[in-house]
Amino acid sequence: AKALSKAKAKATKTAKSKAAKKANSKALTKTTPKAARAAAKQARAQKVKVAAKAAKPKAKAKSATPKPAKKKTAKSKDGKPKCYAGYTDAEYKKYVAAKTKYSAMSNDKLKEYLKANMQSRSGTKDVLIDKCCDGEALGSIPKCTKCGGGFLRFNKETGEYKCPGYRDDDDYVNCNGVFQKSEIKRADWVTPS
């Protein structure tokens, strides 16, 4: 009996809602042509808004996602970053102190320091600063002892020196010499006059 009464109540409810919808549609058809055009225009505008909203969440989803945190540089037990493992603690402290000094200088001034110490003067400002800081901490890098012409490059992570070779007139002399930090004697860093 209860199931039967629930079914009757549901049937009457749906019948009432269908009747209300019919009444609304009849009321809309009796409107004036001007009102009908305005209603149609409003419906089209609503469709455009819905379509625009459907397209926007995709773009917002990218910007709404939180940005990943910057990766922290891995540090060794003594507190210096692992990318400077080729330096001793004292050398690393000198390097960091020199960084503030050379960061304030212009490119031309940095190149003067590098020229006075017979170092390569190519690269961006960051590269020039890095070369000057390395020179201040360890001294100026000599030319390659194997080929005699290439500028050695110091790898801060491993503490090794590598020679890429050099250009001699029209020919390129390939060296690929690898030296340990203990094998290379650096000269003192000179301040230009």
Protein backbone atom coordinates (compact mmCIF):
# COMPACT_ATOMS: atom_id res chain seq x y z
CA ALA A 1 0.00 0.00 0.00
CA LYS A 2 2.84 2.38 0.85
CA ALA A 3 4.63 1.64 -2.44
CA LEU A 4 1.41 2.31 -4.35
CA SER A 5 0.87 5.67 -2.62
CA LYS A 6 4.49 6.70 -3.32
CA ALA A 7 4.11 5.86 -7.01
CA LYS A 8 0.86 7.91 -7.20
CA ALA A 9 2.54 10.88 -5.51
CA LYS A 10 5.45 10.70 -7.93
CA ALA A 11 3.13 10.50 -10.94
CA THR A 12 1.15 13.55 -9.82
CA LYS A 13 4.36 15.48 -9.20
CA THR A 14 5.68 14.81 -12.71
CA ALA A 15 2.29 15.64 -14.20
CA LYS A 16 2.29 19.00 -12.39
CA SER A 17 5.79 19.83 -13.61
CA LYS A 18 4.84 18.94 -17.22
CA ALA A 19 1.77 21.17 -16.95
CA ALA A 20 3.89 24.04 -15.60
CA LYS A 21 6.34 23.67 -18.50
CA LYS A 22 3.49 23.76 -21.03
CA ALA A 23 2.06 26.89 -19.40
CA ASN A 24 5.47 28.59 -19.57
CA SER A 25 5.95 27.69 -23.23
CA LYS A 26 2.45 28.99 -24.10
CA ALA A 27 3.20 32.22 -22.25
CA LEU A 28 6.40 32.63 -24.27
CA THR A 29 4.63 32.13 -27.59
CA LYS A 30 2.05 34.84 -26.76
CA THR A 31 4.77 37.52 -26.37
CA THR A 32 5.20 40.29 -28.88
CA PRO A 33 7.69 39.89 -31.76
CA LYS A 34 9.94 42.54 -30.27
CA ALA A 35 10.06 40.72 -26.93
CA ALA A 36 10.66 37.42 -28.73
CA ARG A 37 13.64 38.89 -30.59
CA ALA A 38 15.06 40.26 -27.33
CA ALA A 39 14.60 36.88 -25.65
CA ALA A 40 16.30 35.12 -28.57
CA LYS A 41 19.17 37.60 -28.47
CA GLN A 42 19.54 37.07 -24.73
CA ALA A 43 19.53 33.28 -25.22
CA ARG A 44 22.29 33.54 -27.86
CA ALA A 45 24.36 35.75 -25.54
CA GLN A 46 23.89 33.22 -22.76
CA LYS A 47 25.08 30.40 -25.06
CA VAL A 48 28.21 32.43 -25.95
CA LYS A 49 28.92 33.03 -22.25
CA VAL A 50 28.54 29.33 -21.48
CA ALA A 51 30.85 28.40 -24.37
CA ALA A 52 33.44 30.97 -23.22
CA LYS A 53 33.30 29.65 -19.66
CA ALA A 54 33.77 26.11 -20.94
CA ALA A 55 36.90 27.18 -22.84
CA LYS A 56 38.43 29.28 -20.03
CA PRO A 57 38.89 26.64 -17.32
CA LYS A 58 41.43 24.83 -19.51
CA ALA A 59 43.59 27.95 -19.67
CA LYS A 60 43.05 28.75 -16.00
CA ALA A 61 43.88 25.21 -14.98
CA LYS A 62 47.45 25.71 -16.16
CA SER A 63 47.96 28.98 -14.31
CA ALA A 64 45.97 27.85 -11.27
CA THR A 65 48.31 24.94 -10.61
CA PRO A 66 50.91 25.77 -8.00
CA LYS A 67 54.39 26.37 -9.34
CA PRO A 68 56.91 23.76 -8.31
CA ALA A 69 59.28 24.87 -5.61
CA LYS A 70 62.78 25.78 -6.73
CA LYS A 71 65.17 22.93 -6.39
CA LYS A 72 67.57 23.50 -3.59
CA THR A 73 71.17 22.95 -4.52
CA ALA A 74 72.56 19.86 -2.94
CA LYS A 75 75.06 20.70 -0.24
CA SER A 76 77.92 18.67 1.05
CA LYS A 77 78.59 18.06 4.74
CA ASP A 78 80.69 21.21 5.06
CA GLY A 79 77.82 23.46 3.85
CA LYS A 80 79.04 24.45 0.38
CA PRO A 81 77.05 23.42 -2.73
CA LYS A 82 78.16 20.19 -4.37
CA CYS A 83 78.77 22.04 -7.64
CA TYR A 84 81.75 23.68 -5.86
CA ALA A 85 83.24 20.42 -4.58
CA GLY A 86 86.52 21.20 -6.39
CA TYR A 87 87.21 24.04 -3.93
CA THR A 88 88.47 23.68 -0.38
CA ASP A 89 86.47 25.48 2.33
CA ALA A 90 88.89 28.43 2.40
CA GLU A 91 88.89 28.71 -1.41
CA TYR A 92 85.09 28.61 -1.50
CA LYS A 93 84.85 31.40 1.08
CA LYS A 94 87.22 33.54 -1.03
CA TYR A 95 85.12 32.77 -4.12
CA VAL A 96 81.89 33.88 -2.42
CA ALA A 97 83.51 37.08 -1.09
CA ALA A 98 84.84 37.91 -4.55
CA LYS A 99 81.38 37.37 -6.08
CA THR A 100 79.98 40.53 -4.44
CA LYS A 101 83.05 42.54 -5.47
CA TYR A 102 82.97 41.56 -9.14
CA SER A 103 79.16 41.61 -9.54
CA ALA A 104 79.18 45.38 -9.13
CA MET A 105 81.73 45.88 -11.96
CA SER A 106 81.02 46.54 -15.63
CA ASN A 107 81.96 44.09 -18.39
CA ASP A 108 84.86 46.29 -19.50
CA LYS A 109 86.31 46.39 -15.98
CA LEU A 110 85.98 42.60 -15.64
CA LYS A 111 87.77 42.16 -18.98
CA GLU A 112 90.59 44.42 -17.72
CA TYR A 113 91.10 42.08 -14.76
CA LEU A 114 91.08 39.04 -17.04
CA LYS A 115 93.49 40.67 -19.51
CA ALA A 116 95.93 41.61 -16.73
CA ASN A 117 95.93 37.95 -15.65
CA MET A 118 96.17 36.54 -19.20
CA GLN A 119 92.79 34.82 -19.05
CA SER A 120 90.15 34.27 -21.71
CA ARG A 121 87.83 37.31 -21.98
CA SER A 122 84.90 35.70 -23.79
CA GLY A 123 81.45 35.00 -22.39
CA THR A 124 78.47 36.71 -20.80
CA LYS A 125 78.75 38.90 -17.71
CA ASP A 126 78.00 35.93 -15.45
CA VAL A 127 80.80 33.94 -17.08
CA LEU A 128 83.22 36.87 -16.72
CA ILE A 129 82.29 37.28 -13.04
CA ASP A 130 82.78 33.55 -12.50
CA LYS A 131 86.24 33.66 -14.13
CA CYS A 132 87.30 36.62 -11.98
CA CYS A 133 85.98 35.03 -8.77
CA ASP A 134 87.77 31.78 -9.58
CA GLY A 135 90.99 33.73 -10.23
CA GLU A 136 90.64 35.65 -6.97
CA ALA A 137 90.15 32.41 -5.03
CA LEU A 138 92.76 30.20 -6.73
CA GLY A 139 94.94 32.45 -8.90
CA SER A 140 95.20 32.81 -12.67
CA ILE A 141 95.05 29.62 -14.74
CA PRO A 142 98.17 28.93 -16.83
CA LYS A 143 98.08 27.73 -20.43
CA CYS A 144 98.05 24.02 -21.11
CA THR A 145 101.39 22.32 -20.46
CA LYS A 146 100.58 19.53 -22.91
CA CYS A 147 99.82 21.55 -26.08
CA GLY A 148 101.21 24.94 -24.97
CA GLY A 149 98.43 27.04 -26.49
CA GLY A 150 95.05 26.14 -25.01
CA PHE A 151 93.39 27.89 -22.08
CA LEU A 152 92.69 25.33 -19.37
CA ARG A 153 89.17 25.14 -18.01
CA PHE A 154 88.61 24.36 -14.34
CA ASN A 155 85.70 22.06 -13.46
CA LYS A 156 84.41 23.21 -10.05
CA GLU A 157 82.57 19.93 -9.37
CA THR A 158 85.51 17.57 -9.91
CA GLY A 159 88.54 19.83 -9.36
CA GLU A 160 89.98 18.83 -12.76
CA TYR A 161 91.42 21.00 -15.51
CA LYS A 162 90.65 20.25 -19.16
CA CYS A 163 92.21 21.70 -22.28
CA PRO A 164 89.85 22.10 -25.25
CA GLY A 165 92.73 22.89 -27.62
CA TYR A 166 93.39 26.09 -29.53
CA ARG A 167 93.37 27.65 -33.02
CA ASP A 168 96.79 28.12 -34.63
CA ASP A 169 96.47 30.39 -37.70
CA ASP A 170 94.18 28.27 -39.93
CA ASP A 171 94.43 24.96 -38.09
CA TYR A 172 92.75 23.82 -34.91
CA VAL A 173 94.99 21.96 -32.49
CA ASN A 174 92.93 19.47 -30.50
CA CYS A 175 94.43 18.65 -27.09
CA ASN A 176 91.84 17.14 -24.73
CA GLY A 177 94.41 17.15 -21.92
CA VAL A 178 93.05 16.40 -18.43
CA PHE A 179 94.94 17.47 -15.30
CA GLN A 180 94.28 17.11 -11.58
CA LYS A 181 94.18 20.16 -9.34
CA SER A 182 97.47 19.17 -7.72
CA GLU A 183 99.26 19.06 -11.12
CA ILE A 184 98.58 22.70 -12.06
CA LYS A 185 100.40 25.59 -10.36
CA ARG A 186 98.39 28.79 -10.55
CA ALA A 187 100.02 32.22 -10.54
CA ASP A 188 98.88 34.96 -8.13
CA TRP A 189 95.87 37.04 -9.20
CA VAL A 190 96.97 40.51 -10.33
CA THR A 191 94.98 43.74 -9.94
CA PRO A 192 95.22 45.87 -13.12
CA SER A 193 96.92 49.26 -12.76
